[in-house]
C-alpha atoms as a PDB file:
ATOM      1  CA  GLY A   1       0.368   0.129   0.306  1.00  0.00           C
ATOM      2  CA  LYS A   2       1.071   3.225  -0.108  1.00  0.00           C
ATOM      3  CA  PRO A   3       3.511   4.794   2.505  1.00  0.00           C
ATOM      4  CA  LEU A   4       1.437   6.716   5.612  1.00  0.00           C
ATOM      5  CA  CYS A   5       4.179   8.380   6.337  1.00  0.00           C
ATOM      6  CA  ASN A   6       6.904  11.013   4.787  1.00  0.00           C
ATOM      7  CA  PHE A   7       9.548  12.305   7.252  1.00  0.00           C
ATOM      8  CA  PHE A   8      11.021  11.070  10.755  1.00  0.00           C
ATOM      9  CA  SER A   9      11.477  14.171  12.489  1.00  0.00           C
ATOM     10  CA  TYR A  10      13.341  13.069  15.595  1.00  0.00           C
ATOM     11  CA  GLY A  11      13.260  15.466  18.990  1.00  0.00           C
ATOM     12  CA  THR A  12      15.805  14.269  20.596  1.00  0.00           C
ATOM     13  CA  ASN A  13      16.081  15.945  23.983  1.00  0.00           C
ATOM     14  CA  ASP A  14      12.312  15.150  24.739  1.00  0.00           C
ATOM     15  CA  LEU A  15      13.102  11.642  23.539  1.00  0.00           C
ATOM     16  CA  THR A  16      16.214  11.682  25.959  1.00  0.00           C
ATOM     17  CA  GLN A  17      14.286  13.131  28.562  1.00  0.00           C
ATOM     18  CA  MET A  18      11.264  10.060  28.286  1.00  0.00           C
ATOM     19  CA  THR A  19      13.843   7.426  27.667  1.00  0.00           C
ATOM     20  CA  MET A  20      16.486   8.180  30.782  1.00  0.00           C
ATOM     21  CA  GLY A  21      13.461   9.479  33.135  1.00  0.00           C
ATOM     22  CA  ILE A  22      15.333  12.363  33.853  1.00  0.00           C
ATOM     23  CA  SER A  23      14.018  16.067  33.839  1.00  0.00           C
ATOM     24  CA  ARG A  24      16.286  18.350  31.652  1.00  0.00           C
ATOM     25  CA  ASP A  25      15.192  20.964  34.201  1.00  0.00           C
ATOM     26  CA  ASP A  26      16.458  18.984  36.836  1.00  0.00           C
ATOM     27  CA  SER A  27      19.231  17.353  35.451  1.00  0.00           C
ATOM     28  CA  ASN A  28      22.157  20.343  36.127  1.00  0.00           C
ATOM     29  CA  GLY A  29      21.926  19.400  39.663  1.00  0.00           C
ATOM     30  CA  PHE A  30      23.346  15.559  39.475  1.00  0.00           C
ATOM     31  CA  ILE A  31      24.816  15.380  35.771  1.00  0.00           C
ATOM     32  CA  PRO A  32      28.274  17.038  36.486  1.00  0.00           C
ATOM     33  CA  LYS A  33      28.477  14.639  39.413  1.00  0.00           C
ATOM     34  CA  TYR A  34      27.133  11.624  36.855  1.00  0.00           C
ATOM     35  CA  LEU A  35      30.059  12.811  35.156  1.00  0.00           C
ATOM     36  CA  GLU A  36      32.634  13.120  37.447  1.00  0.00           C
ATOM     37  CA  ILE A  37      32.260   9.886  38.708  1.00  0.00           C
ATOM     38  CA  GLY A  38      31.819   7.678  35.300  1.00  0.00           C
ATOM     39  CA  ILE A  39      28.036   7.595  35.341  1.00  0.00           C
ATOM     40  CA  PHE A  40      27.810   9.232  31.856  1.00  0.00           C
ATOM     41  CA  ASP A  41      30.722   9.703  29.291  1.00  0.00           C
ATOM     42  CA  ASP A  42      29.555  12.909  28.041  1.00  0.00           C
ATOM     43  CA  ASP A  43      25.913  14.728  29.110  1.00  0.00           C
ATOM     44  CA  PRO A  44      23.272  13.117  27.650  1.00  0.00           C
ATOM     45  CA  PHE A  45      21.414  16.392  26.462  1.00  0.00           C
ATOM     46  CA  GLN A  46      24.636  17.827  24.758  1.00  0.00           C
ATOM     47  CA  THR A  47      25.703  14.423  22.959  1.00  0.00           C
ATOM     48  CA  ILE A  48      23.661  11.566  21.823  1.00  0.00           C
ATOM     49  CA  ASP A  49      23.345   8.351  24.282  1.00  0.00           C
ATOM     50  CA  GLU A  50      24.228   6.097  21.316  1.00  0.00           C
ATOM     51  CA  GLU A  51      23.503   3.058  23.031  1.00  0.00           C
ATOM     52  CA  GLY A  52      19.906   4.215  24.802  1.00  0.00           C
ATOM     53  CA  VAL A  53      18.234   6.778  22.933  1.00  0.00           C
ATOM     54  CA  GLY A  54      20.537   6.616  19.627  1.00  0.00           C
ATOM     55  CA  PHE A  55      19.400   2.508  19.772  1.00  0.00           C
ATOM     56  CA  MET A  56      15.887   3.787  19.343  1.00  0.00           C
ATOM     57  CA  VAL A  57      16.395   6.188  16.583  1.00  0.00           C
ATOM     58  CA  LYS A  58      18.230   3.588  14.593  1.00  0.00           C
ATOM     59  CA  HIS A  59      15.529   1.134  14.908  1.00  0.00           C
ATOM     60  CA  SER A  60      13.411   3.410  13.977  1.00  0.00           C
ATOM     61  CA  VAL A  61      15.136   4.557  10.901  1.00  0.00           C
ATOM     62  CA  GLU A  62      15.711   0.773   9.903  1.00  0.00           C
ATOM     63  CA  TYR A  63      11.507   0.274  10.131  1.00  0.00           C
ATOM     64  CA  GLY A  64      10.893   3.539   8.556  1.00  0.00           C
ATOM     65  CA  ARG A  65      13.422   2.952   5.564  1.00  0.00           C
ATOM     66  CA  SER A  66      11.788  -0.771   5.262  1.00  0.00           C
ATOM     67  CA  VAL A  67       8.437   0.534   4.865  1.00  0.00           C
ATOM     68  CA  ASN A  68       9.368   3.783   3.064  1.00  0.00           C
ATOM     69  CA  PRO A  69      12.583   3.644   1.216  1.00  0.00           C
ATOM     70  CA  ASN A  70      12.879   7.440   0.437  1.00  0.00           C
ATOM     71  CA  ILE A  71      11.459   8.215   4.081  1.00  0.00           C
ATOM     72  CA  SER A  72      13.055  11.964   5.160  1.00  0.00           C
ATOM     73  CA  LEU A  73      15.042  11.422   8.447  1.00  0.00           C
ATOM     74  CA  SER A  74      16.275  14.625  10.654  1.00  0.00           C
ATOM     75  CA  VAL A  75      16.773  15.289  13.626  1.00  0.00           C
ATOM     76  CA  CYS A  76      15.948  18.856  15.626  1.00  0.00           C
ATOM     77  CA  GLY A  77      17.358  20.132  18.733  1.00  0.00           C
ATOM     78  CA  GLU A  78      20.616  20.752  20.686  1.00  0.00           C
ATOM     79  CA  HIS A  79      21.897  17.355  19.216  1.00  0.00           C
ATOM     80  CA  GLY A  80      21.688  19.038  16.147  1.00  0.00           C
ATOM     81  CA  GLY A  81      24.455  21.068  16.535  1.00  0.00           C
ATOM     82  CA  ASP A  82      26.929  18.750  18.137  1.00  0.00           C
ATOM     83  CA  PRO A  83      29.714  17.261  16.157  1.00  0.00           C
ATOM     84  CA  LYS A  84      29.683  13.452  17.929  1.00  0.00           C
ATOM     85  CA  SER A  85      25.908  12.840  17.687  1.00  0.00           C
ATOM     86  CA  ILE A  86      25.713  14.734  14.161  1.00  0.00           C
ATOM     87  CA  ALA A  87      28.506  11.735  13.285  1.00  0.00           C
ATOM     88  CA  PHE A  88      26.279   9.644  15.039  1.00  0.00           C
ATOM     89  CA  PHE A  89      23.046  10.483  12.768  1.00  0.00           C
ATOM     90  CA  ASP A  90      25.261  10.452   9.562  1.00  0.00           C
ATOM     91  CA  LYS A  91      26.203   7.137   9.687  1.00  0.00           C
ATOM     92  CA  LEU A  92      22.241   6.382  10.294  1.00  0.00           C
ATOM     93  CA  GLY A  93      21.406   7.769   7.116  1.00  0.00           C
ATOM     94  CA  LEU A  94      19.684  10.793   8.485  1.00  0.00           C
ATOM     95  CA  ASN A  95      18.758  13.479   5.364  1.00  0.00           C
ATOM     96  CA  TYR A  96      19.838  16.446   7.709  1.00  0.00           C
ATOM     97  CA  VAL A  97      19.792  17.821  11.414  1.00  0.00           C
ATOM     98  CA  SER A  98      18.210  21.557  12.686  1.00  0.00           C
ATOM     99  CA  CYS A  99      19.748  22.397  15.989  1.00  0.00           C
END
């Protein structure tokens, strides 16, 4: 049948909050400590968490393209301005980023 969707635009800031169960507004109170003691390698609101949030984006890309090979895929938000995150999104084959 006809594809129902022409594009996916990933709002990774909200996706990060919901996946990790942490509020971006409150994260300044504990993320610096998490970085210091090695719980996080990077602030997940600045650099995409490839193993969690990135995993979901990756599989969504794969499933979306399996149904509609011409689907346009993009990301919006702070991750769209982070070089490490951009490299990850490029590896997944996203069409563009917006920050």
